[in-house]
N, C-alpha and C. Protein backbone atom coordinates (compact mmCIF):
# COMPACT_ATOMS: atom_id res chain seq x y z
N MET A 1 270.16 140.53 86.25
CA MET A 1 269.76 140.85 84.91
C MET A 1 269.54 139.51 84.12
N THR A 2 268.64 139.62 83.14
CA THR A 2 268.42 138.44 82.32
C THR A 2 269.49 138.20 81.34
N LYS A 3 269.54 137.09 80.71
CA LYS A 3 270.49 136.72 79.59
C LYS A 3 270.41 137.83 78.54
N ARG A 4 269.13 138.17 78.10
CA ARG A 4 268.95 139.12 76.98
C ARG A 4 269.55 140.47 77.42
N SER A 5 269.22 140.89 78.64
CA SER A 5 269.78 142.23 79.10
C SER A 5 271.21 142.27 79.13
N ASP A 6 271.85 141.08 79.44
CA ASP A 6 273.33 140.92 79.49
C ASP A 6 273.86 141.06 78.20
N GLU A 7 273.22 140.44 77.25
CA GLU A 7 273.75 140.64 75.79
C GLU A 7 273.58 142.09 75.28
N ILE A 8 272.58 142.71 75.72
CA ILE A 8 272.31 144.12 75.29
C ILE A 8 273.46 144.99 75.88
N ALA A 9 273.60 144.77 77.17
CA ALA A 9 274.67 145.57 77.91
C ALA A 9 276.05 145.32 77.25
N ALA A 10 276.33 144.02 76.96
CA ALA A 10 277.70 143.76 76.34
C ALA A 10 277.74 144.43 75.01
N ALA A 11 276.68 144.34 74.21
CA ALA A 11 276.73 144.98 72.88
C ALA A 11 276.97 146.51 73.03
N LEU A 12 276.29 147.14 73.81
CA LEU A 12 276.43 148.60 74.03
C LEU A 12 277.88 148.95 74.54
N GLN A 13 278.39 147.99 75.43
CA GLN A 13 279.75 148.35 76.03
C GLN A 13 280.79 148.16 74.85
N GLU A 14 280.60 147.17 73.98
CA GLU A 14 281.55 146.94 72.89
C GLU A 14 281.44 148.22 71.98
N ALA A 15 280.24 148.67 71.79
CA ALA A 15 280.14 149.87 70.94
C ALA A 15 280.60 151.14 71.57
N GLY A 16 281.04 151.14 72.77
CA GLY A 16 281.54 152.24 73.48
C GLY A 16 280.47 153.23 74.02
N ARG A 17 279.29 152.76 74.05
CA ARG A 17 278.20 153.61 74.50
C ARG A 17 277.96 153.66 75.92
N VAL A 18 278.27 152.62 76.76
CA VAL A 18 278.21 152.63 78.15
C VAL A 18 279.48 152.00 78.74
N HIS A 19 279.70 152.46 79.92
CA HIS A 19 280.77 151.76 80.70
C HIS A 19 280.31 150.49 81.34
N ALA A 20 281.15 149.64 81.73
CA ALA A 20 280.89 148.34 82.35
C ALA A 20 279.97 148.63 83.58
N ILE A 21 278.98 147.75 83.73
CA ILE A 21 278.02 147.83 84.88
C ILE A 21 278.81 147.17 86.02
N LYS A 22 279.07 147.91 87.13
CA LYS A 22 279.77 147.29 88.26
C LYS A 22 278.85 147.03 89.47
N SER A 23 278.98 145.94 90.01
CA SER A 23 278.21 145.62 91.24
C SER A 23 278.87 146.18 92.51
N PRO A 24 278.20 146.30 93.58
CA PRO A 24 278.76 146.68 94.78
C PRO A 24 279.85 145.73 95.31
N SER A 25 279.67 144.46 95.00
CA SER A 25 280.68 143.49 95.37
C SER A 25 281.97 143.68 94.57
N ALA A 26 281.81 143.93 93.29
CA ALA A 26 282.95 144.17 92.46
C ALA A 26 283.78 145.36 92.95
N THR A 27 283.05 146.48 93.36
CA THR A 27 283.70 147.59 93.84
C THR A 27 284.45 147.31 95.17
N ARG A 28 283.86 146.53 96.04
CA ARG A 28 284.62 146.16 97.28
C ARG A 28 285.74 145.29 96.99
N GLN A 29 285.52 144.35 96.00
CA GLN A 29 286.77 143.53 95.74
C GLN A 29 287.85 144.19 95.07
N ARG A 30 287.50 145.21 94.31
CA ARG A 30 288.67 145.99 93.70
C ARG A 30 289.29 146.86 94.73
N ALA A 31 288.60 147.40 95.72
CA ALA A 31 289.23 148.25 96.78
C ALA A 31 290.07 147.33 97.56
N PHE A 32 289.61 146.06 97.92
CA PHE A 32 290.42 145.15 98.68
C PHE A 32 291.69 144.71 97.97
N LYS A 33 291.59 144.49 96.69
CA LYS A 33 292.83 144.08 95.91
C LYS A 33 293.80 145.16 95.83
N LYS A 34 293.27 146.36 95.69
CA LYS A 34 294.16 147.64 95.59
C LYS A 34 294.82 147.80 97.02
N ARG A 35 294.17 147.64 98.10
CA ARG A 35 294.67 147.75 99.45
C ARG A 35 295.77 146.69 99.69
N MET A 36 295.56 145.46 99.33
CA MET A 36 296.55 144.45 99.43
C MET A 36 297.76 144.53 98.54
N SER A 37 297.47 145.07 97.34
CA SER A 37 298.58 145.46 96.48
C SER A 37 299.38 146.52 96.98
N ASP A 38 298.80 147.61 97.53
CA ASP A 38 299.57 148.55 98.12
C ASP A 38 300.39 148.24 99.27
N ASP A 39 299.91 147.07 99.96
CA ASP A 39 300.71 146.59 101.05
C ASP A 39 301.82 145.64 100.59
N GLY A 40 301.98 145.49 99.34
CA GLY A 40 303.07 144.60 98.86
C GLY A 40 302.61 143.14 98.56
N PHE A 41 301.35 142.79 98.53
CA PHE A 41 300.99 141.45 98.29
C PHE A 41 300.53 141.25 96.88
N VAL A 42 300.68 140.10 96.40
CA VAL A 42 300.27 139.66 95.05
C VAL A 42 299.35 138.54 95.27
N GLN A 43 298.41 138.36 94.28
CA GLN A 43 297.47 137.23 94.36
C GLN A 43 298.00 136.13 93.52
N VAL A 44 298.05 134.94 94.20
CA VAL A 44 298.56 133.71 93.54
C VAL A 44 297.44 132.73 93.53
N THR A 45 297.34 132.08 92.30
CA THR A 45 296.30 131.08 92.06
C THR A 45 296.90 129.89 91.59
N GLY A 46 296.45 128.69 92.05
CA GLY A 46 296.97 127.41 91.53
C GLY A 46 296.13 126.30 91.88
N TRP A 47 296.46 125.22 91.43
CA TRP A 47 295.79 123.86 91.61
C TRP A 47 296.61 122.88 92.41
N VAL A 48 296.05 122.42 93.56
CA VAL A 48 296.69 121.35 94.29
C VAL A 48 295.76 120.20 94.61
N ARG A 49 296.18 119.03 95.01
CA ARG A 49 295.36 118.00 95.40
C ARG A 49 294.67 118.34 96.68
N SER A 50 293.47 117.83 96.84
CA SER A 50 292.58 118.05 98.00
C SER A 50 293.28 117.87 99.26
N HIS A 51 294.11 116.85 99.52
CA HIS A 51 294.66 116.52 100.74
C HIS A 51 295.92 117.64 101.03
N GLN A 52 296.37 118.41 100.01
CA GLN A 52 297.37 119.34 100.17
C GLN A 52 296.83 120.71 100.54
N ALA A 53 295.57 120.88 100.32
CA ALA A 53 294.91 122.21 100.32
C ALA A 53 295.16 122.99 101.72
N ALA A 54 294.94 122.17 102.81
CA ALA A 54 294.98 122.77 104.16
C ALA A 54 296.47 123.13 104.36
N ASP A 55 297.39 122.42 103.91
CA ASP A 55 298.79 122.77 104.19
C ASP A 55 299.22 124.08 103.50
N ILE A 56 298.75 124.10 102.20
CA ILE A 56 299.02 125.35 101.36
C ILE A 56 298.39 126.49 102.04
N ALA A 57 297.11 126.34 102.54
CA ALA A 57 296.39 127.54 103.12
C ALA A 57 297.24 127.97 104.35
N ALA A 58 297.72 126.98 105.17
CA ALA A 58 298.48 127.40 106.34
C ALA A 58 299.76 127.98 106.01
N LEU A 59 300.45 127.55 105.04
CA LEU A 59 301.68 128.18 104.60
C LEU A 59 301.44 129.60 104.15
N MET A 60 300.43 129.78 103.34
CA MET A 60 300.09 131.11 102.82
C MET A 60 299.83 132.05 103.99
N LYS A 61 299.06 131.66 104.92
CA LYS A 61 298.63 132.37 106.14
C LYS A 61 299.92 132.84 106.90
N ARG A 62 300.83 131.87 107.13
CA ARG A 62 302.10 132.21 107.88
C ARG A 62 302.97 133.22 107.10
N LEU A 63 303.00 132.95 105.72
CA LEU A 63 303.85 133.88 104.99
C LEU A 63 303.30 135.33 104.95
N LYS A 64 301.94 135.35 104.96
CA LYS A 64 301.33 136.70 104.99
C LYS A 64 301.54 137.39 106.36
N GLU A 65 301.63 136.64 107.42
CA GLU A 65 301.68 137.29 108.81
C GLU A 65 303.22 137.68 109.04
N ASP A 66 304.20 136.85 108.61
CA ASP A 66 305.52 137.18 108.89
C ASP A 66 306.41 137.32 107.56
N THR A 67 306.75 138.54 107.32
CA THR A 67 307.48 138.67 106.12
C THR A 67 308.91 138.22 106.11
N ASP A 68 309.40 137.88 107.25
CA ASP A 68 310.75 137.25 107.33
C ASP A 68 310.88 135.81 106.90
N LEU A 69 309.79 135.13 106.73
CA LEU A 69 309.69 133.73 106.45
C LEU A 69 309.81 133.47 104.92
N GLU A 70 310.43 132.28 104.45
CA GLU A 70 310.48 131.96 103.09
C GLU A 70 310.07 130.53 103.20
N PRO A 71 309.42 129.98 102.11
CA PRO A 71 309.07 128.51 102.00
C PRO A 71 310.32 127.73 101.91
N GLY A 72 310.27 126.50 102.58
CA GLY A 72 311.38 125.72 102.63
C GLY A 72 311.20 124.49 101.80
N PRO A 73 312.08 123.38 102.23
CA PRO A 73 311.85 122.15 101.44
C PRO A 73 310.70 121.48 101.72
N MET A 74 310.32 120.58 100.88
CA MET A 74 309.08 119.84 100.98
C MET A 74 309.51 118.33 101.14
N ARG A 75 308.68 117.53 101.81
CA ARG A 75 308.89 116.24 102.09
C ARG A 75 308.13 115.36 101.05
N ASN A 76 308.85 114.41 100.43
CA ASN A 76 308.26 113.48 99.49
C ASN A 76 307.56 112.35 100.33
N THR A 77 306.17 112.19 100.29
CA THR A 77 305.56 111.23 101.17
C THR A 77 305.77 109.80 100.79
N ARG A 78 306.30 109.65 99.52
CA ARG A 78 306.47 108.25 99.10
C ARG A 78 307.95 107.78 99.58
N THR A 79 308.94 108.64 99.44
CA THR A 79 310.26 108.33 99.87
C THR A 79 310.77 108.82 101.17
N GLY A 80 310.01 109.92 101.57
CA GLY A 80 310.42 110.48 103.05
C GLY A 80 311.50 111.45 102.84
N ARG A 81 312.06 111.66 101.60
CA ARG A 81 313.25 112.63 101.45
C ARG A 81 312.71 114.06 101.32
N LEU A 82 313.50 115.05 101.77
CA LEU A 82 313.30 116.43 101.52
C LEU A 82 313.65 116.83 100.11
N GLU A 83 312.91 117.56 99.55
CA GLU A 83 313.07 118.13 98.14
C GLU A 83 313.07 119.61 98.21
N ARG A 84 314.00 120.21 97.36
CA ARG A 84 314.03 121.65 97.25
C ARG A 84 312.86 122.23 96.53
N VAL A 85 312.56 123.54 96.84
CA VAL A 85 311.48 124.14 96.13
C VAL A 85 311.93 124.48 94.75
């Protein structure tokens, strides 16, 4: 859709004349989120440094696979000491 048609659709939606226009992707995403939620998962979003991203992704994957795991202490790279979560 063009910018103008987006504005018209938004105005009509605000006026209560039409429902939100949903794309097939939005429908799939909504179904996926519902399925995950029904399985007991929640979506977590946050910001980390780029060098930490792979570790966070691996941690999240393992936590998803094994429900008996819990995140543990983290190591401070400057001091080498373990720190509590």
